[in-house]
């Protein structure tokens, strides 16, 4: 799992895939990968 951060509002979300829309500020395509969890192979 990766941690994704919205470049518009700073909201962080954990998930396998890049979110299409921020649940907090509703911005589209603003997520960047911040860090990955230790479980990734």
PDB file of N, CA and C in Angstrom:
ATOM      1  N   UNK A   1       0.850  -1.193   0.000  1.00  0.00           N
ATOM      2  CA  UNK A   1       0.000   0.000   0.000  1.00  0.00           C
ATOM      3  C   UNK A   1       0.885   1.243   0.000  1.00  0.00           C
ATOM      4  N   UNK A   2       0.394   2.269  -0.636  1.00  0.00           N
ATOM      5  CA  UNK A   2       1.134   3.523  -0.726  1.00  0.00           C
ATOM      6  C   UNK A   2       0.354   4.637  -0.052  1.00  0.00           C
ATOM      7  N   UNK A   3       1.050   5.683   0.303  1.00  0.00           N
ATOM      8  CA  UNK A   3       0.408   6.861   0.879  1.00  0.00           C
ATOM      9  C   UNK A   3       0.386   7.940  -0.204  1.00  0.00           C
ATOM     10  N   UNK A   4      -0.798   8.455  -0.471  1.00  0.00           N
ATOM     11  CA  UNK A   4      -0.986   9.477  -1.500  1.00  0.00           C
ATOM     12  C   UNK A   4      -1.357  10.785  -0.832  1.00  0.00           C
ATOM     13  N   UNK A   5      -0.788  11.886  -1.323  1.00  0.00           N
ATOM     14  CA  UNK A   5      -1.055  13.201  -0.742  1.00  0.00           C
ATOM     15  C   UNK A   5      -1.592  14.137  -1.810  1.00  0.00           C
ATOM     16  N   UNK A   6      -2.654  14.850  -1.467  1.00  0.00           N
ATOM     17  CA  UNK A   6      -3.254  15.817  -2.383  1.00  0.00           C
ATOM     18  C   UNK A   6      -2.383  17.074  -2.389  1.00  0.00           C
ATOM     19  N   UNK A   7      -1.958  17.494  -3.575  1.00  0.00           N
ATOM     20  CA  UNK A   7      -1.105  18.677  -3.673  1.00  0.00           C
ATOM     21  C   UNK A   7      -1.911  19.963  -3.501  1.00  0.00           C
ATOM     22  N   UNK A   8      -3.225  19.870  -3.579  1.00  0.00           N
ATOM     23  CA  UNK A   8      -4.070  21.052  -3.428  1.00  0.00           C
ATOM     24  C   UNK A   8      -4.339  21.392  -1.960  1.00  0.00           C
ATOM     25  N   UNK A   9      -4.700  20.377  -1.147  1.00  0.00           N
ATOM     26  CA  UNK A   9      -5.086  20.660   0.241  1.00  0.00           C
ATOM     27  C   UNK A   9      -4.226  19.941   1.279  1.00  0.00           C
ATOM     28  N   UNK A  10      -3.416  18.968   0.852  1.00  0.00           N
ATOM     29  CA  UNK A  10      -2.550  18.264   1.790  1.00  0.00           C
ATOM     30  C   UNK A  10      -3.163  17.026   2.416  1.00  0.00           C
ATOM     31  N   UNK A  11      -4.362  16.661   2.008  1.00  0.00           N
ATOM     32  CA  UNK A  11      -5.042  15.472   2.542  1.00  0.00           C
ATOM     33  C   UNK A  11      -4.264  14.219   2.152  1.00  0.00           C
ATOM     34  N   UNK A  12      -4.069  13.309   3.101  1.00  0.00           N
ATOM     35  CA  UNK A  12      -3.351  12.069   2.824  1.00  0.00           C
ATOM     36  C   UNK A  12      -4.305  10.894   2.851  1.00  0.00           C
ATOM     37  N   UNK A  13      -4.097   9.973   1.912  1.00  0.00           N
ATOM     38  CA  UNK A  13      -4.958   8.804   1.790  1.00  0.00           C
ATOM     39  C   UNK A  13      -4.080   7.603   1.490  1.00  0.00           C
ATOM     40  N   UNK A  14      -4.379   6.476   2.133  1.00  0.00           N
ATOM     41  CA  UNK A  14      -3.608   5.264   1.909  1.00  0.00           C
ATOM     42  C   UNK A  14      -4.384   4.353   0.970  1.00  0.00           C
ATOM     43  N   UNK A  15      -3.680   3.779  -0.003  1.00  0.00           N
ATOM     44  CA  UNK A  15      -4.345   2.874  -0.931  1.00  0.00           C
ATOM     45  C   UNK A  15      -3.372   2.337  -1.961  1.00  0.00           C
ATOM     46  N   UNK A  16      -3.820   1.321  -2.681  1.00  0.00           N
ATOM     47  CA  UNK A  16      -2.974   0.706  -3.711  1.00  0.00           C
ATOM     48  C   UNK A  16      -2.888   1.579  -4.955  1.00  0.00           C
ATOM     49  N   UNK A  17      -4.000   2.174  -5.330  1.00  0.00           N
ATOM     50  CA  UNK A  17      -4.068   2.968  -6.554  1.00  0.00           C
ATOM     51  C   UNK A  17      -4.171   4.454  -6.250  1.00  0.00           C
ATOM     52  N   UNK A  18      -3.707   5.246  -7.198  1.00  0.00           N
ATOM     53  CA  UNK A  18      -3.776   6.701  -7.069  1.00  0.00           C
ATOM     54  C   UNK A  18      -5.236   7.137  -7.115  1.00  0.00           C
ATOM     55  N   UNK A  19      -5.702   7.872  -6.097  1.00  0.00           N
ATOM     56  CA  UNK A  19      -7.094   8.333  -6.099  1.00  0.00           C
ATOM     57  C   UNK A  19      -7.341   9.317  -7.243  1.00  0.00           C
ATOM     58  N   UNK A  20      -8.529   9.240  -7.848  1.00  0.00           N
ATOM     59  CA  UNK A  20      -8.860  10.142  -8.955  1.00  0.00           C
ATOM     60  C   UNK A  20      -9.294  11.508  -8.450  1.00  0.00           C
ATOM     61  N   UNK A  21      -9.989  11.515  -7.308  1.00  0.00           N
ATOM     62  CA  UNK A  21     -10.509  12.774  -6.779  1.00  0.00           C
ATOM     63  C   UNK A  21     -10.300  12.821  -5.272  1.00  0.00           C
ATOM     64  N   UNK A  22      -9.923  13.984  -4.769  1.00  0.00           N
ATOM     65  CA  UNK A  22      -9.708  14.146  -3.330  1.00  0.00           C
ATOM     66  C   UNK A  22     -11.049  14.193  -2.612  1.00  0.00           C
ATOM     67  N   UNK A  23     -11.240  13.354  -1.575  1.00  0.00           N
ATOM     68  CA  UNK A  23     -12.501  13.357  -0.842  1.00  0.00           C
ATOM     69  C   UNK A  23     -12.708  14.612   0.001  1.00  0.00           C
ATOM     70  N   UNK A  24     -11.631  15.341   0.261  1.00  0.00           N
ATOM     71  CA  UNK A  24     -11.723  16.516   1.110  1.00  0.00           C
ATOM     72  C   UNK A  24     -11.981  17.803   0.324  1.00  0.00           C
ATOM     73  N   UNK A  25     -11.164  18.053  -0.710  1.00  0.00           N
ATOM     74  CA  UNK A  25     -11.301  19.322  -1.436  1.00  0.00           C
ATOM     75  C   UNK A  25     -11.895  19.153  -2.837  1.00  0.00           C
ATOM     76  N   UNK A  26     -12.180  17.903  -3.243  1.00  0.00           N
ATOM     77  CA  UNK A  26     -12.809  17.591  -4.530  1.00  0.00           C
ATOM     78  C   UNK A  26     -11.924  17.865  -5.744  1.00  0.00           C
ATOM     79  N   UNK A  27     -10.650  18.148  -5.549  1.00  0.00           N
ATOM     80  CA  UNK A  27      -9.749  18.394  -6.676  1.00  0.00           C
ATOM     81  C   UNK A  27      -9.467  17.077  -7.409  1.00  0.00           C
ATOM     82  N   UNK A  28      -9.324  17.156  -8.723  1.00  0.00           N
ATOM     83  CA  UNK A  28      -9.083  15.955  -9.525  1.00  0.00           C
ATOM     84  C   UNK A  28      -7.625  15.876  -9.945  1.00  0.00           C
ATOM     85  N   UNK A  29      -7.086  14.653  -9.949  1.00  0.00           N
ATOM     86  CA  UNK A  29      -5.715  14.363 -10.388  1.00  0.00           C
ATOM     87  C   UNK A  29      -4.662  15.200  -9.670  1.00  0.00           C
ATOM     88  N   UNK A  30      -4.780  15.327  -8.352  1.00  0.00           N
ATOM     89  CA  UNK A  30      -3.817  16.126  -7.601  1.00  0.00           C
ATOM     90  C   UNK A  30      -2.983  15.277  -6.645  1.00  0.00           C
ATOM     91  N   UNK A  31      -3.160  13.956  -6.664  1.00  0.00           N
ATOM     92  CA  UNK A  31      -2.451  13.106  -5.714  1.00  0.00           C
ATOM     93  C   UNK A  31      -1.057  12.720  -6.194  1.00  0.00           C
ATOM     94  N   UNK A  32      -0.094  12.774  -5.277  1.00  0.00           N
ATOM     95  CA  UNK A  32       1.268  12.325  -5.532  1.00  0.00           C
ATOM     96  C   UNK A  32       1.635  11.295  -4.470  1.00  0.00           C
ATOM     97  N   UNK A  33       2.498  10.356  -4.832  1.00  0.00           N
ATOM     98  CA  UNK A  33       2.908   9.303  -3.910  1.00  0.00           C
ATOM     99  C   UNK A  33       3.903   9.873  -2.910  1.00  0.00           C
ATOM    100  N   UNK A  34       3.625   9.677  -1.627  1.00  0.00           N
ATOM    101  CA  UNK A  34       4.489  10.214  -0.577  1.00  0.00           C
ATOM    102  C   UNK A  34       5.474   9.145  -0.108  1.00  0.00           C
ATOM    103  N   UNK A  35       4.967   8.014   0.302  1.00  0.00           N
ATOM    104  CA  UNK A  35       5.816   6.922   0.802  1.00  0.00           C
ATOM    105  C   UNK A  35       5.089   5.613   0.659  1.00  0.00           C
ATOM    106  N   UNK A  36       5.827   4.519   0.603  1.00  0.00           N
ATOM    107  CA  UNK A  36       5.185   3.209   0.543  1.00  0.00           C
ATOM    108  C   UNK A  36       5.375   2.483   1.855  1.00  0.00           C
ATOM    109  N   UNK A  37       4.477   1.584   2.118  1.00  0.00           N
ATOM    110  CA  UNK A  37       4.561   0.830   3.370  1.00  0.00           C
ATOM    111  C   UNK A  37       5.688  -0.186   3.281  1.00  0.00           C
ATOM    112  N   UNK A  38       6.054  -0.725   4.444  1.00  0.00           N
ATOM    113  CA  UNK A  38       7.168  -1.680   4.517  1.00  0.00           C
ATOM    114  C   UNK A  38       6.803  -3.045   3.971  1.00  0.00           C
ATOM    115  N   UNK A  39       5.524  -3.309   3.784  1.00  0.00           N
ATOM    116  CA  UNK A  39       5.085  -4.630   3.328  1.00  0.00           C
ATOM    117  C   UNK A  39       5.256  -4.845   1.841  1.00  0.00           C
ATOM    118  N   UNK A  40       5.567  -3.796   1.070  1.00  0.00           N
ATOM    119  CA  UNK A  40       5.723  -3.950  -0.377  1.00  0.00           C
ATOM    120  C   UNK A  40       6.925  -4.808  -0.697  1.00  0.00           C
ATOM    121  N   UNK A  41       6.795  -5.603  -1.752  1.00  0.00           N
ATOM    122  CA  UNK A  41       7.886  -6.523  -2.130  1.00  0.00           C
ATOM    123  C   UNK A  41       8.595  -6.037  -3.370  1.00  0.00           C
TER     124      UNK A  41
END
